[in-house]
Amino acid sequence: MGTTWCEVELEPVDGQDVLLNGVVAPSRFDDLAALLTRCGATYTLELFDENDNLLRETRRGG
């Protein structure tokens, strides 16, 4: 699944959970969160830099 600013894969995990794993343009991080919120999803999003340093984290529900 992808756009010009986001490329992700959906991977099933335990129960009904799904791992959304991929790359998003840092400037569009809030856009991805807003999209997931509009879909009614419960989520935790983490944004890492190229050195695996956590830059941002946001969550909804759960």
C-alpha atoms as a PDB file:
ATOM      1  CA  MET A   1       0.000   0.000   0.000  1.00  0.00           C
ATOM      2  CA  GLY A   2       1.520   3.348  -0.841  1.00  0.00           C
ATOM      3  CA  THR A   3       1.341   6.958  -1.946  1.00  0.00           C
ATOM      4  CA  THR A   4       3.985   9.444  -3.029  1.00  0.00           C
ATOM      5  CA  TRP A   5       4.691  10.153   0.670  1.00  0.00           C
ATOM      6  CA  CYS A   6       4.085   6.770   2.319  1.00  0.00           C
ATOM      7  CA  GLU A   7       4.908   3.125   1.550  1.00  0.00           C
ATOM      8  CA  VAL A   8       3.732   0.541   4.078  1.00  0.00           C
ATOM      9  CA  GLU A   9       3.069  -3.171   4.412  1.00  0.00           C
ATOM     10  CA  LEU A  10       0.307  -4.707   6.518  1.00  0.00           C
ATOM     11  CA  GLU A  11       1.374  -7.741   8.534  1.00  0.00           C
ATOM     12  CA  PRO A  12      -1.022  -9.771  10.700  1.00  0.00           C
ATOM     13  CA  VAL A  13       0.080 -10.323  14.295  1.00  0.00           C
ATOM     14  CA  ASP A  14      -1.600 -11.846  17.359  1.00  0.00           C
ATOM     15  CA  GLY A  15      -5.393 -11.731  17.452  1.00  0.00           C
ATOM     16  CA  GLN A  16      -6.957  -8.983  15.393  1.00  0.00           C
ATOM     17  CA  ASP A  17      -3.896  -6.737  15.492  1.00  0.00           C
ATOM     18  CA  VAL A  18      -2.086  -5.668  12.347  1.00  0.00           C
ATOM     19  CA  LEU A  19       1.439  -4.282  12.095  1.00  0.00           C
ATOM     20  CA  LEU A  20       1.750  -1.363   9.687  1.00  0.00           C
ATOM     21  CA  ASN A  21       5.424  -1.259   8.781  1.00  0.00           C
ATOM     22  CA  GLY A  22       7.133   1.012   6.287  1.00  0.00           C
ATOM     23  CA  VAL A  23       8.314   4.493   5.433  1.00  0.00           C
ATOM     24  CA  VAL A  24       6.480   7.808   5.691  1.00  0.00           C
ATOM     25  CA  ALA A  25       7.763  11.287   4.893  1.00  0.00           C
ATOM     26  CA  PRO A  26       8.364  12.922   8.302  1.00  0.00           C
ATOM     27  CA  SER A  27       6.417  15.994   7.203  1.00  0.00           C
ATOM     28  CA  ARG A  28       3.361  13.759   6.578  1.00  0.00           C
ATOM     29  CA  PHE A  29       3.451  11.831   9.894  1.00  0.00           C
ATOM     30  CA  ASP A  30       0.394  13.723  11.175  1.00  0.00           C
ATOM     31  CA  ASP A  31      -1.428  13.051   7.890  1.00  0.00           C
ATOM     32  CA  LEU A  32      -1.007   9.301   8.383  1.00  0.00           C
ATOM     33  CA  ALA A  33      -2.278   9.583  11.967  1.00  0.00           C
ATOM     34  CA  ALA A  34      -5.288  11.584  10.770  1.00  0.00           C
ATOM     35  CA  LEU A  35      -6.065   8.992   8.090  1.00  0.00           C
ATOM     36  CA  LEU A  36      -5.956   6.141  10.606  1.00  0.00           C
ATOM     37  CA  THR A  37      -8.124   8.148  13.009  1.00  0.00           C
ATOM     38  CA  ARG A  38     -10.737   8.778  10.285  1.00  0.00           C
ATOM     39  CA  CYS A  39     -10.815   5.024   9.662  1.00  0.00           C
ATOM     40  CA  GLY A  40     -11.550   4.456  13.358  1.00  0.00           C
ATOM     41  CA  ALA A  41      -8.301   2.581  13.937  1.00  0.00           C
ATOM     42  CA  THR A  42      -6.622   2.138  17.291  1.00  0.00           C
ATOM     43  CA  TYR A  43      -2.901   2.620  16.738  1.00  0.00           C
ATOM     44  CA  THR A  44       0.548   3.568  17.911  1.00  0.00           C
ATOM     45  CA  LEU A  45       2.757   5.268  15.330  1.00  0.00           C
ATOM     46  CA  GLU A  46       6.488   5.637  15.769  1.00  0.00           C
ATOM     47  CA  LEU A  47       8.799   7.641  13.529  1.00  0.00           C
ATOM     48  CA  PHE A  48      12.492   6.712  13.530  1.00  0.00           C
ATOM     49  CA  ASP A  49      15.429   8.344  11.778  1.00  0.00           C
ATOM     50  CA  GLU A  50      17.999   6.478   9.669  1.00  0.00           C
ATOM     51  CA  ASN A  51      19.977   5.641  12.845  1.00  0.00           C
ATOM     52  CA  ASP A  52      16.950   4.054  14.557  1.00  0.00           C
ATOM     53  CA  ASN A  53      16.473   6.985  16.948  1.00  0.00           C
ATOM     54  CA  LEU A  54      12.831   7.552  17.904  1.00  0.00           C
ATOM     55  CA  LEU A  55      11.818  11.000  16.650  1.00  0.00           C
ATOM     56  CA  ARG A  56       8.063  10.984  17.327  1.00  0.00           C
ATOM     57  CA  GLU A  57       5.377   8.760  18.724  1.00  0.00           C
ATOM     58  CA  THR A  58       1.606   9.146  18.786  1.00  0.00           C
ATOM     59  CA  ARG A  59      -1.199   6.811  19.769  1.00  0.00           C
ATOM     60  CA  ARG A  60      -4.964   6.557  19.657  1.00  0.00           C
ATOM     61  CA  GLY A  61      -6.974   4.252  21.871  1.00  0.00           C
ATOM     62  CA  GLY A  62      -5.836   0.907  23.161  1.00  0.00           C
END
